[in-house]
Amino acid sequence: MGTGAAQLPELVYAPARPILHDGRRELLYEVRDHPDGTRVLPVFTSLDRLVEELGPAQPWAQSPLRAVRALMGAVGVTRVELDPALAGSAWRWTPEDLDRYVGETA
């Protein structure tokens, strides 16, 4: 990498939530549909950026970017976008959605 190249962050914030799968707690990353029809996982360099784009009720996880990319590639999601500007019409969790989800997983 040259001196003028931007360095990628080691850790990113991703929209994600815990789920139960086969009796085990796992992390489910929230892949979104891009306007061009591809599936993409938006990731952010700060929690403030994630909240700015997806709202304060968005569940999230902080993870190593390298691990997120590897996991997404393994499930066929080839796009991981860093700090994307999401359309205002993108779906966002509401506080009621979050309360309902927490009630279902408790």
PDB file of N, CA and C in Angstrom:
ATOM      1  N   MET A   1       0.849  -1.179   0.000  1.00  0.00           N
ATOM      2  CA  MET A   1       0.000   0.000   0.000  1.00  0.00           C
ATOM      3  C   MET A   1       0.889   1.234   0.000  1.00  0.00           C
ATOM      4  N   GLY A   2       0.652   2.155  -0.872  1.00  0.00           N
ATOM      5  CA  GLY A   2       1.454   3.359  -0.958  1.00  0.00           C
ATOM      6  C   GLY A   2       1.146   4.343   0.151  1.00  0.00           C
ATOM      7  N   THR A   3       1.956   5.366   0.252  1.00  0.00           N
ATOM      8  CA  THR A   3       1.771   6.329   1.332  1.00  0.00           C
ATOM      9  C   THR A   3       0.495   7.146   1.183  1.00  0.00           C
ATOM     10  N   GLY A   4      -0.026   7.275  -0.040  1.00  0.00           N
ATOM     11  CA  GLY A   4      -1.239   8.046  -0.237  1.00  0.00           C
ATOM     12  C   GLY A   4      -2.511   7.226  -0.117  1.00  0.00           C
ATOM     13  N   ALA A   5      -2.397   5.915   0.022  1.00  0.00           N
ATOM     14  CA  ALA A   5      -3.580   5.050   0.081  1.00  0.00           C
ATOM     15  C   ALA A   5      -4.215   5.116   1.464  1.00  0.00           C
ATOM     16  N   ALA A   6      -5.532   5.134   1.478  1.00  0.00           N
ATOM     17  CA  ALA A   6      -6.261   5.147   2.745  1.00  0.00           C
ATOM     18  C   ALA A   6      -6.200   3.761   3.368  1.00  0.00           C
ATOM     19  N   GLN A   7      -5.981   3.738   4.669  1.00  0.00           N
ATOM     20  CA  GLN A   7      -5.953   2.453   5.363  1.00  0.00           C
ATOM     21  C   GLN A   7      -7.362   2.054   5.759  1.00  0.00           C
ATOM     22  N   LEU A   8      -7.642   0.769   5.627  1.00  0.00           N
ATOM     23  CA  LEU A   8      -8.939   0.253   6.042  1.00  0.00           C
ATOM     24  C   LEU A   8      -8.921   0.047   7.549  1.00  0.00           C
ATOM     25  N   PRO A   9     -10.060   0.248   8.200  1.00  0.00           N
ATOM     26  CA  PRO A   9     -10.101   0.051   9.651  1.00  0.00           C
ATOM     27  C   PRO A   9     -10.012  -1.428  10.006  1.00  0.00           C
ATOM     28  N   GLU A  10      -9.466  -1.710  11.159  1.00  0.00           N
ATOM     29  CA  GLU A  10      -9.414  -3.097  11.623  1.00  0.00           C
ATOM     30  C   GLU A  10     -10.801  -3.540  12.092  1.00  0.00           C
ATOM     31  N   LEU A  11     -11.493  -2.669  12.820  1.00  0.00           N
ATOM     32  CA  LEU A  11     -12.824  -2.976  13.345  1.00  0.00           C
ATOM     33  C   LEU A  11     -13.862  -2.087  12.678  1.00  0.00           C
ATOM     34  N   VAL A  12     -15.044  -2.658  12.445  1.00  0.00           N
ATOM     35  CA  VAL A  12     -16.160  -1.912  11.874  1.00  0.00           C
ATOM     36  C   VAL A  12     -17.420  -2.202  12.677  1.00  0.00           C
ATOM     37  N   TYR A  13     -18.397  -1.339  12.508  1.00  0.00           N
ATOM     38  CA  TYR A  13     -19.721  -1.510  13.111  1.00  0.00           C
ATOM     39  C   TYR A  13     -20.663  -1.948  12.000  1.00  0.00           C
ATOM     40  N   ALA A  14     -21.383  -3.026  12.235  1.00  0.00           N
ATOM     41  CA  ALA A  14     -22.272  -3.571  11.207  1.00  0.00           C
ATOM     42  C   ALA A  14     -23.669  -3.761  11.782  1.00  0.00           C
ATOM     43  N   PRO A  15     -24.703  -3.570  10.953  1.00  0.00           N
ATOM     44  CA  PRO A  15     -26.050  -3.886  11.413  1.00  0.00           C
ATOM     45  C   PRO A  15     -26.139  -5.400  11.630  1.00  0.00           C
ATOM     46  N   ALA A  16     -26.459  -5.785  12.849  1.00  0.00           N
ATOM     47  CA  ALA A  16     -26.478  -7.204  13.197  1.00  0.00           C
ATOM     48  C   ALA A  16     -27.300  -7.394  14.457  1.00  0.00           C
ATOM     49  N   ARG A  17     -27.760  -8.610  14.641  1.00  0.00           N
ATOM     50  CA  ARG A  17     -28.520  -8.923  15.855  1.00  0.00           C
ATOM     51  C   ARG A  17     -28.295 -10.380  16.222  1.00  0.00           C
ATOM     52  N   PRO A  18     -28.423 -10.690  17.510  1.00  0.00           N
ATOM     53  CA  PRO A  18     -28.263 -12.090  17.917  1.00  0.00           C
ATOM     54  C   PRO A  18     -29.516 -12.890  17.568  1.00  0.00           C
ATOM     55  N   ILE A  19     -29.313 -14.137  17.186  1.00  0.00           N
ATOM     56  CA  ILE A  19     -30.432 -15.058  16.943  1.00  0.00           C
ATOM     57  C   ILE A  19     -30.087 -16.391  17.580  1.00  0.00           C
ATOM     58  N   LEU A  20     -31.109 -17.207  17.805  1.00  0.00           N
ATOM     59  CA  LEU A  20     -30.901 -18.581  18.249  1.00  0.00           C
ATOM     60  C   LEU A  20     -30.966 -19.475  17.026  1.00  0.00           C
ATOM     61  N   HIS A  21     -29.955 -20.299  16.843  1.00  0.00           N
ATOM     62  CA  HIS A  21     -29.904 -21.225  15.714  1.00  0.00           C
ATOM     63  C   HIS A  21     -29.440 -22.568  16.238  1.00  0.00           C
ATOM     64  N   ASP A  22     -30.292 -23.582  16.130  1.00  0.00           N
ATOM     65  CA  ASP A  22     -29.981 -24.914  16.653  1.00  0.00           C
ATOM     66  C   ASP A  22     -29.581 -24.859  18.120  1.00  0.00           C
ATOM     67  N   GLY A  23     -30.285 -24.012  18.884  1.00  0.00           N
ATOM     68  CA  GLY A  23     -30.039 -23.914  20.313  1.00  0.00           C
ATOM     69  C   GLY A  23     -28.814 -23.091  20.693  1.00  0.00           C
ATOM     70  N   ARG A  24     -28.138 -22.514  19.699  1.00  0.00           N
ATOM     71  CA  ARG A  24     -26.953 -21.690  19.973  1.00  0.00           C
ATOM     72  C   ARG A  24     -27.226 -20.248  19.584  1.00  0.00           C
ATOM     73  N   ARG A  25     -26.643 -19.350  20.334  1.00  0.00           N
ATOM     74  CA  ARG A  25     -26.761 -17.927  20.015  1.00  0.00           C
ATOM     75  C   ARG A  25     -25.730 -17.592  18.939  1.00  0.00           C
ATOM     76  N   GLU A  26     -26.196 -16.997  17.838  1.00  0.00           N
ATOM     77  CA  GLU A  26     -25.324 -16.609  16.739  1.00  0.00           C
ATOM     78  C   GLU A  26     -25.613 -15.162  16.369  1.00  0.00           C
ATOM     79  N   LEU A  27     -24.727 -14.596  15.577  1.00  0.00           N
ATOM     80  CA  LEU A  27     -24.887 -13.229  15.126  1.00  0.00           C
ATOM     81  C   LEU A  27     -25.377 -13.233  13.681  1.00  0.00           C
ATOM     82  N   LEU A  28     -26.451 -12.528  13.430  1.00  0.00           N
ATOM     83  CA  LEU A  28     -27.011 -12.410  12.082  1.00  0.00           C
ATOM     84  C   LEU A  28     -26.738 -11.001  11.572  1.00  0.00           C
ATOM     85  N   TYR A  29     -25.897 -10.913  10.543  1.00  0.00           N
ATOM     86  CA  TYR A  29     -25.633  -9.621   9.909  1.00  0.00           C
ATOM     87  C   TYR A  29     -26.789  -9.298   8.982  1.00  0.00           C
ATOM     88  N   GLU A  30     -27.186  -8.030   8.957  1.00  0.00           N
ATOM     89  CA  GLU A  30     -28.317  -7.592   8.155  1.00  0.00           C
ATOM     90  C   GLU A  30     -27.859  -7.127   6.778  1.00  0.00           C
ATOM     91  N   VAL A  31     -27.926  -8.021   5.836  1.00  0.00           N
ATOM     92  CA  VAL A  31     -27.569  -7.727   4.456  1.00  0.00           C
ATOM     93  C   VAL A  31     -28.721  -6.949   3.830  1.00  0.00           C
ATOM     94  N   ARG A  32     -28.388  -5.955   3.063  1.00  0.00           N
ATOM     95  CA  ARG A  32     -29.391  -5.106   2.419  1.00  0.00           C
ATOM     96  C   ARG A  32     -29.360  -5.307   0.911  1.00  0.00           C
ATOM     97  N   ASP A  33     -30.460  -4.965   0.266  1.00  0.00           N
ATOM     98  CA  ASP A  33     -30.519  -4.993  -1.196  1.00  0.00           C
ATOM     99  C   ASP A  33     -30.049  -3.644  -1.728  1.00  0.00           C
ATOM    100  N   HIS A  34     -29.066  -3.678  -2.605  1.00  0.00           N
ATOM    101  CA  HIS A  34     -28.557  -2.464  -3.247  1.00  0.00           C
ATOM    102  C   HIS A  34     -29.484  -2.130  -4.415  1.00  0.00           C
ATOM    103  N   PRO A  35     -29.629  -0.860  -4.773  1.00  0.00           N
ATOM    104  CA  PRO A  35     -30.491  -0.508  -5.910  1.00  0.00           C
ATOM    105  C   PRO A  35     -30.143  -1.237  -7.212  1.00  0.00           C
ATOM    106  N   ASP A  36     -28.885  -1.663  -7.380  1.00  0.00           N
ATOM    107  CA  ASP A  36     -28.525  -2.377  -8.611  1.00  0.00           C
ATOM    108  C   ASP A  36     -28.860  -3.869  -8.548  1.00  0.00           C
ATOM    109  N   GLY A  37     -29.515  -4.301  -7.456  1.00  0.00           N
ATOM    110  CA  GLY A  37     -29.958  -5.687  -7.338  1.00  0.00           C
ATOM    111  C   GLY A  37     -29.005  -6.613  -6.603  1.00  0.00           C
ATOM    112  N   THR A  38     -27.806  -6.140  -6.275  1.00  0.00           N
ATOM    113  CA  THR A  38     -26.866  -6.989  -5.539  1.00  0.00           C
ATOM    114  C   THR A  38     -27.153  -6.911  -4.046  1.00  0.00           C
ATOM    115  N   ARG A  39     -26.650  -7.900  -3.342  1.00  0.00           N
ATOM    116  CA  ARG A  39     -26.782  -7.903  -1.879  1.00  0.00           C
ATOM    117  C   ARG A  39     -25.503  -7.308  -1.294  1.00  0.00           C
ATOM    118  N   VAL A  40     -25.669  -6.461  -0.295  1.00  0.00           N
ATOM    119  CA  VAL A  40     -24.538  -5.741   0.272  1.00  0.00           C
ATOM    120  C   VAL A  40     -24.687  -5.653   1.789  1.00  0.00           C
ATOM    121  N   LEU A  41     -23.558  -5.739   2.473  1.00  0.00           N
ATOM    122  CA  LEU A  41     -23.553  -5.483   3.910  1.00  0.00           C
ATOM    123  C   LEU A  41     -22.901  -4.121   4.123  1.00  0.00           C
ATOM    124  N   PRO A  42     -23.680  -3.150   4.625  1.00  0.00           N
ATOM    125  CA  PRO A  42     -23.072  -1.863   4.947  1.00  0.00           C
ATOM    126  C   PRO A  42     -22.323  -1.985   6.272  1.00  0.00           C
ATOM    127  N   VAL A  43     -21.119  -1.450   6.334  1.00  0.00           N
ATOM    128  CA  VAL A  43     -20.356  -1.414   7.582  1.00  0.00           C
ATOM    129  C   VAL A  43     -19.855   0.008   7.773  1.00  0.00           C
ATOM    130  N   PHE A  44     -19.583   0.370   9.014  1.00  0.00           N
ATOM    131  CA  PHE A  44     -19.272   1.754   9.336  1.00  0.00           C
ATOM    132  C   PHE A  44     -18.030   1.851  10.206  1.00  0.00           C
ATOM    133  N   THR A  45     -17.295   2.943  10.010  1.00  0.00           N
ATOM    134  CA  THR A  45     -16.062   3.146  10.759  1.00  0.00           C
ATOM    135  C   THR A  45     -16.315   3.648  12.175  1.00  0.00           C
ATOM    136  N   SER A  46     -17.529   4.083  12.450  1.00  0.00           N
ATOM    137  CA  SER A  46     -17.859   4.537  13.806  1.00  0.00           C
ATOM    138  C   SER A  46     -19.326   4.222  14.105  1.00  0.00           C
ATOM    139  N   LEU A  47     -19.616   4.132  15.371  1.00  0.00           N
ATOM    140  CA  LEU A  47     -21.007   3.912  15.779  1.00  0.00           C
ATOM    141  C   LEU A  47     -21.857   5.120  15.401  1.00  0.00           C
ATOM    142  N   ASP A  48     -21.280   6.311  15.497  1.00  0.00           N
ATOM    143  CA  ASP A  48     -22.017   7.517  15.099  1.00  0.00           C
ATOM    144  C   ASP A  48     -22.454   7.450  13.642  1.00  0.00           C
ATOM    145  N   ARG A  49     -21.587   6.968  12.754  1.00  0.00           N
ATOM    146  CA  ARG A  49     -21.938   6.840  11.329  1.00  0.00           C
ATOM    147  C   ARG A  49     -23.059   5.827  11.138  1.00  0.00           C
ATOM    148  N   LEU A  50     -22.990   4.692  11.838  1.00  0.00           N
ATOM    149  CA  LEU A  50     -24.051   3.685  11.726  1.00  0.00           C
ATOM    150  C   LEU A  50     -25.384   4.283  12.158  1.00  0.00           C
ATOM    151  N   VAL A  51     -25.395   4.968  13.300  1.00  0.00           N
ATOM    152  CA  VAL A  51     -26.636   5.572  13.801  1.00  0.00           C
ATOM    153  C   VAL A  51     -27.138   6.650  12.840  1.00  0.00           C
ATOM    154  N   GLU A  52     -26.228   7.421  12.273  1.00  0.00           N
ATOM    155  CA  GLU A  52     -26.614   8.464  11.315  1.00  0.00           C
ATOM    156  C   GLU A  52     -27.337   7.867  10.105  1.00  0.00           C
ATOM    157  N   GLU A  53     -26.869   6.739   9.622  1.00  0.00           N
ATOM    158  CA  GLU A  53     -27.448   6.130   8.420  1.00  0.00           C
ATOM    159  C   GLU A  53     -28.625   5.194   8.711  1.00  0.00           C
ATOM    160  N   LEU A  54     -28.600   4.487   9.854  1.00  0.00           N
ATOM    161  CA  LEU A  54     -29.617   3.455  10.111  1.00  0.00           C
ATOM    162  C   LEU A  54     -30.510   3.743  11.316  1.00  0.00           C
ATOM    163  N   GLY A  55     -30.220   4.801  12.052  1.00  0.00           N
ATOM    164  CA  GLY A  55     -31.063   5.187  13.171  1.00  0.00           C
ATOM    165  C   GLY A  55     -30.605   4.613  14.501  1.00  0.00           C
ATOM    166  N   PRO A  56     -31.072   5.226  15.596  1.00  0.00           N
ATOM    167  CA  PRO A  56     -30.620   4.838  16.929  1.00  0.00           C
ATOM    168  C   PRO A  56     -31.157   3.496  17.421  1.00  0.00           C
ATOM    169  N   ALA A  57     -32.179   2.961  16.791  1.00  0.00           N
ATOM    170  CA  ALA A  57     -32.734   1.675  17.236  1.00  0.00           C
ATOM    171  C   ALA A  57     -32.060   0.482  16.544  1.00  0.00           C
ATOM    172  N   GLN A  58     -31.152   0.743  15.618  1.00  0.00           N
ATOM    173  CA  GLN A  58     -30.500  -0.330  14.859  1.00  0.00           C
ATOM    174  C   GLN A  58     -29.618  -1.190  15.767  1.00  0.00           C
ATOM    175  N   PRO A  59     -29.899  -2.490  15.861  1.00  0.00           N
ATOM    176  CA  PRO A  59     -28.957  -3.379  16.559  1.00  0.00           C
ATOM    177  C   PRO A  59     -27.657  -3.451  15.752  1.00  0.00           C
ATOM    178  N   TRP A  60     -26.541  -3.616  16.431  1.00  0.00           N
ATOM    179  CA  TRP A  60     -25.254  -3.603  15.744  1.00  0.00           C
ATOM    180  C   TRP A  60     -24.257  -4.497  16.471  1.00  0.00           C
ATOM    181  N   ALA A  61     -23.175  -4.771  15.763  1.00  0.00           N
ATOM    182  CA  ALA A  61     -22.053  -5.508  16.343  1.00  0.00           C
ATOM    183  C   ALA A  61     -20.769  -4.876  15.826  1.00  0.00           C
ATOM    184  N   GLN A  62     -19.780  -4.835  16.680  1.00  0.00           N
ATOM    185  CA  GLN A  62     -18.451  -4.407  16.242  1.00  0.00           C
ATOM    186  C   GLN A  62     -17.647  -5.664  15.968  1.00  0.00           C
ATOM    187  N   SER A  63     -17.072  -5.742  14.781  1.00  0.00           N
ATOM    188  CA  SER A  63     -16.372  -6.944  14.342  1.00  0.00           C
ATOM    189  C   SER A  63     -15.148  -6.569  13.525  1.00  0.00           C
ATOM    190  N   PRO A  64     -14.172  -7.466  13.444  1.00  0.00           N
ATOM    191  CA  PRO A  64     -13.037  -7.216  12.551  1.00  0.00           C
ATOM    192  C   PRO A  64     -13.506  -7.217  11.092  1.00  0.00           C
ATOM    193  N   LEU A  65     -13.087  -6.207  10.331  1.00  0.00           N
ATOM    194  CA  LEU A  65     -13.477  -6.107   8.930  1.00  0.00           C
ATOM    195  C   LEU A  65     -13.072  -7.360   8.164  1.00  0.00           C
ATOM    196  N   ARG A  66     -11.899  -7.874   8.429  1.00  0.00           N
ATOM    197  CA  ARG A  66     -11.422  -9.068   7.737  1.00  0.00           C
ATOM    198  C   ARG A  66     -12.372 -10.250   7.960  1.00  0.00           C
ATOM    199  N   ALA A  67     -12.837 -10.427   9.191  1.00  0.00           N
ATOM    200  CA  ALA A  67     -13.749 -11.538   9.507  1.00  0.00           C
ATOM    201  C   ALA A  67     -15.104 -11.339   8.838  1.00  0.00           C
ATOM    202  N   VAL A  68     -15.599 -10.103   8.834  1.00  0.00           N
ATOM    203  CA  VAL A  68     -16.889  -9.804   8.198  1.00  0.00           C
ATOM    204  C   VAL A  68     -16.813 -10.119   6.704  1.00  0.00           C
ATOM    205  N   ARG A  69     -15.747  -9.682   6.064  1.00  0.00           N
ATOM    206  CA  ARG A  69     -15.595  -9.949   4.622  1.00  0.00           C
ATOM    207  C   ARG A  69     -15.533 -11.445   4.349  1.00  0.00           C
ATOM    208  N   ALA A  70     -14.793 -12.175   5.155  1.00  0.00           N
ATOM    209  CA  ALA A  70     -14.676 -13.627   4.953  1.00  0.00           C
ATOM    210  C   ALA A  70     -16.027 -14.303   5.131  1.00  0.00           C
ATOM    211  N   LEU A  71     -16.753 -13.927   6.171  1.00  0.00           N
ATOM    212  CA  LEU A  71     -18.063 -14.532   6.427  1.00  0.00           C
ATOM    213  C   LEU A  71     -19.043 -14.195   5.310  1.00  0.00           C
ATOM    214  N   MET A  72     -19.075 -12.956   4.880  1.00  0.00           N
ATOM    215  CA  MET A  72     -19.993 -12.567   3.812  1.00  0.00           C
ATOM    216  C   MET A  72     -19.639 -13.307   2.522  1.00  0.00           C
ATOM    217  N   GLY A  73     -18.371 -13.432   2.208  1.00  0.00           N
ATOM    218  CA  GLY A  73     -17.955 -14.166   1.017  1.00  0.00           C
ATOM    219  C   GLY A  73     -18.387 -15.615   1.070  1.00  0.00           C
ATOM    220  N   ALA A  74     -18.334 -16.205   2.265  1.00  0.00           N
ATOM    221  CA  ALA A  74     -18.714 -17.609   2.434  1.00  0.00           C
ATOM    222  C   ALA A  74     -20.200 -17.837   2.192  1.00  0.00           C
ATOM    223  N   VAL A  75     -21.019 -16.807   2.395  1.00  0.00           N
ATOM    224  CA  VAL A  75     -22.462 -16.951   2.180  1.00  0.00           C
ATOM    225  C   VAL A  75     -22.915 -16.297   0.877  1.00  0.00           C
ATOM    226  N   GLY A  76     -21.961 -15.899   0.035  1.00  0.00           N
ATOM    227  CA  GLY A  76     -22.298 -15.391  -1.288  1.00  0.00           C
ATOM    228  C   GLY A  76     -22.561 -13.903  -1.376  1.00  0.00           C
ATOM    229  N   VAL A  77     -22.280 -13.162  -0.322  1.00  0.00           N
ATOM    230  CA  VAL A  77     -22.431 -11.707  -0.358  1.00  0.00           C
ATOM    231  C   VAL A  77     -21.055 -11.129  -0.654  1.00  0.00           C
ATOM    232  N   THR A  78     -20.872 -10.639  -1.860  1.00  0.00           N
ATOM    233  CA  THR A  78     -19.545 -10.201  -2.283  1.00  0.00           C
ATOM    234  C   THR A  78     -19.283  -8.727  -2.053  1.00  0.00           C
ATOM    235  N   ARG A  79     -20.311  -7.978  -1.641  1.00  0.00           N
ATOM    236  CA  ARG A  79     -20.129  -6.540  -1.413  1.00  0.00           C
ATOM    237  C   ARG A  79     -20.250  -6.210   0.067  1.00  0.00           C
ATOM    238  N   VAL A  80     -19.199  -5.646   0.606  1.00  0.00           N
ATOM    239  CA  VAL A  80     -19.189  -5.063   1.945  1.00  0.00           C
ATOM    240  C   VAL A  80     -18.796  -3.614   1.728  1.00  0.00           C
ATOM    241  N   GLU A  81     -19.729  -2.691   1.977  1.00  0.00           N
ATOM    242  CA  GLU A  81     -19.489  -1.271   1.689  1.00  0.00           C
ATOM    243  C   GLU A  81     -19.175  -0.515   2.968  1.00  0.00           C
ATOM    244  N   LEU A  82     -18.085   0.219   2.925  1.00  0.00           N
ATOM    245  CA  LEU A  82     -17.613   0.985   4.067  1.00  0.00           C
ATOM    246  C   LEU A  82     -18.208   2.386   4.045  1.00  0.00           C
ATOM    247  N   ASP A  83     -18.883   2.742   5.135  1.00  0.00           N
ATOM    248  CA  ASP A  83     -19.491   4.065   5.309  1.00  0.00           C
ATOM    249  C   ASP A  83     -20.367   4.503   4.140  1.00  0.00           C
ATOM    250  N   PRO A  84     -21.307   3.657   3.710  1.00  0.00           N
ATOM    251  CA  PRO A  84     -22.164   4.075   2.600  1.00  0.00           C
ATOM    252  C   PRO A  84     -23.181   5.126   3.043  1.00  0.00           C
ATOM    253  N   ALA A  85     -23.571   5.963   2.108  1.00  0.00           N
ATOM    254  CA  ALA A  85     -24.681   6.887   2.335  1.00  0.00           C
ATOM    255  C   ALA A  85     -25.924   6.143   1.860  1.00  0.00           C
ATOM    256  N   LEU A  86     -26.786   5.773   2.798  1.00  0.00           N
ATOM    257  CA  LEU A  86     -27.967   4.987   2.453  1.00  0.00           C
ATOM    258  C   LEU A  86     -29.126   5.905   2.122  1.00  0.00           C
ATOM    259  N   ALA A  87     -29.953   5.471   1.214  1.00  0.00           N
ATOM    260  CA  ALA A  87     -31.129   6.250   0.819  1.00  0.00           C
ATOM    261  C   ALA A  87     -32.030   6.461   2.032  1.00  0.00           C
ATOM    262  N   GLY A  88     -32.630   7.623   2.074  1.00  0.00           N
ATOM    263  CA  GLY A  88     -33.548   7.923   3.171  1.00  0.00           C
ATOM    264  C   GLY A  88     -34.709   6.947   3.258  1.00  0.00           C
ATOM    265  N   SER A  89     -34.986   6.248   2.164  1.00  0.00           N
ATOM    266  CA  SER A  89     -36.083   5.286   2.173  1.00  0.00           C
ATOM    267  C   SER A  89     -35.641   3.902   2.630  1.00  0.00           C
ATOM    268  N   ALA A  90     -34.349   3.724   2.959  1.00  0.00           N
ATOM    269  CA  ALA A  90     -33.864   2.417   3.429  1.00  0.00           C
ATOM    270  C   ALA A  90     -34.569   2.049   4.729  1.00  0.00           C
ATOM    271  N   TRP A  91     -34.897   0.766   4.866  1.00  0.00           N
ATOM    272  CA  TRP A  91     -35.600   0.312   6.063  1.00  0.00           C
ATOM    273  C   TRP A  91     -34.742   0.534   7.299  1.00  0.00           C
ATOM    274  N   ARG A  92     -35.392   0.993   8.360  1.00  0.00           N
ATOM    275  CA  ARG A  92     -34.718   1.221   9.629  1.00  0.00           C
ATOM    276  C   ARG A  92     -35.541   0.621  10.761  1.00  0.00           C
ATOM    277  N   TRP A  93     -34.843   0.097  11.753  1.00  0.00           N
ATOM    278  CA  TRP A  93     -35.507  -0.380  12.957  1.00  0.00           C
ATOM    279  C   TRP A  93     -36.135   0.807  13.677  1.00  0.00           C
ATOM    280  N   THR A  94     -37.311   0.586  14.257  1.00  0.00           N
ATOM    281  CA  THR A  94     -37.931   1.578  15.127  1.00  0.00           C
ATOM    282  C   THR A  94     -37.767   1.094  16.561  1.00  0.00           C
ATOM    283  N   PRO A  95     -37.938   1.968  17.537  1.00  0.00           N
ATOM    284  CA  PRO A  95     -37.890   1.504  18.932  1.00  0.00           C
ATOM    285  C   PRO A  95     -38.912   0.386  19.200  1.00  0.00           C
ATOM    286  N   GLU A  96     -40.070   0.471  18.542  1.00  0.00           N
ATOM    287  CA  GLU A  96     -41.089  -0.576  18.719  1.00  0.00           C
ATOM    288  C   GLU A  96     -40.614  -1.911  18.139  1.00  0.00           C
ATOM    289  N   ASP A  97     -39.963  -1.881  16.976  1.00  0.00           N
ATOM    290  CA  ASP A  97     -39.393  -3.102  16.396  1.00  0.00           C
ATOM    291  C   ASP A  97     -38.396  -3.728  17.362  1.00  0.00           C
ATOM    292  N   LEU A  98     -37.553  -2.899  17.926  1.00  0.00           N
ATOM    293  CA  LEU A  98     -36.524  -3.383  18.837  1.00  0.00           C
ATOM    294  C   LEU A  98     -37.143  -3.976  20.101  1.00  0.00           C
ATOM    295  N   ASP A  99     -38.133  -3.300  20.667  1.00  0.00           N
ATOM    296  CA  ASP A  99     -38.832  -3.826  21.851  1.00  0.00           C
ATOM    297  C   ASP A  99     -39.474  -5.174  21.542  1.00  0.00           C
ATOM    298  N   ARG A 100     -40.122  -5.274  20.392  1.00  0.00           N
ATOM    299  CA  ARG A 100     -40.781  -6.512  19.998  1.00  0.00           C
ATOM    300  C   ARG A 100     -39.749  -7.630  19.823  1.00  0.00           C
ATOM    301  N   TYR A 101     -38.637  -7.313  19.172  1.00  0.00           N
ATOM    302  CA  TYR A 101     -37.578  -8.313  18.953  1.00  0.00           C
ATOM    303  C   TYR A 101     -37.002  -8.795  20.283  1.00  0.00           C
ATOM    304  N   VAL A 102     -36.729  -7.863  21.186  1.00  0.00           N
ATOM    305  CA  VAL A 102     -36.181  -8.237  22.485  1.00  0.00           C
ATOM    306  C   VAL A 102     -37.171  -9.117  23.241  1.00  0.00           C
ATOM    307  N   GLY A 103     -38.454  -8.795  23.152  1.00  0.00           N
ATOM    308  CA  GLY A 103     -39.485  -9.603  23.804  1.00  0.00           C
ATOM    309  C   GLY A 103     -39.553 -11.011  23.238  1.00  0.00           C
ATOM    310  N   GLU A 104     -39.343 -11.146  21.928  1.00  0.00           N
ATOM    311  CA  GLU A 104     -39.401 -12.471  21.281  1.00  0.00           C
ATOM    312  C   GLU A 104     -38.187 -13.326  21.597  1.00  0.00           C
ATOM    313  N   THR A 105     -37.051 -12.703  21.858  1.00  0.00           N
ATOM    314  CA  THR A 105     -35.822 -13.473  22.086  1.00  0.00           C
ATOM    315  C   THR A 105     -35.497 -13.645  23.563  1.00  0.00           C
ATOM    316  N   ALA A 106     -36.286 -13.028  24.424  1.00  0.00           N
ATOM    317  CA  ALA A 106     -36.017 -13.127  25.873  1.00  0.00           C
ATOM    318  C   ALA A 106     -36.370 -14.485  26.418  1.00  0.00           C
TER     319      ALA A 106
END
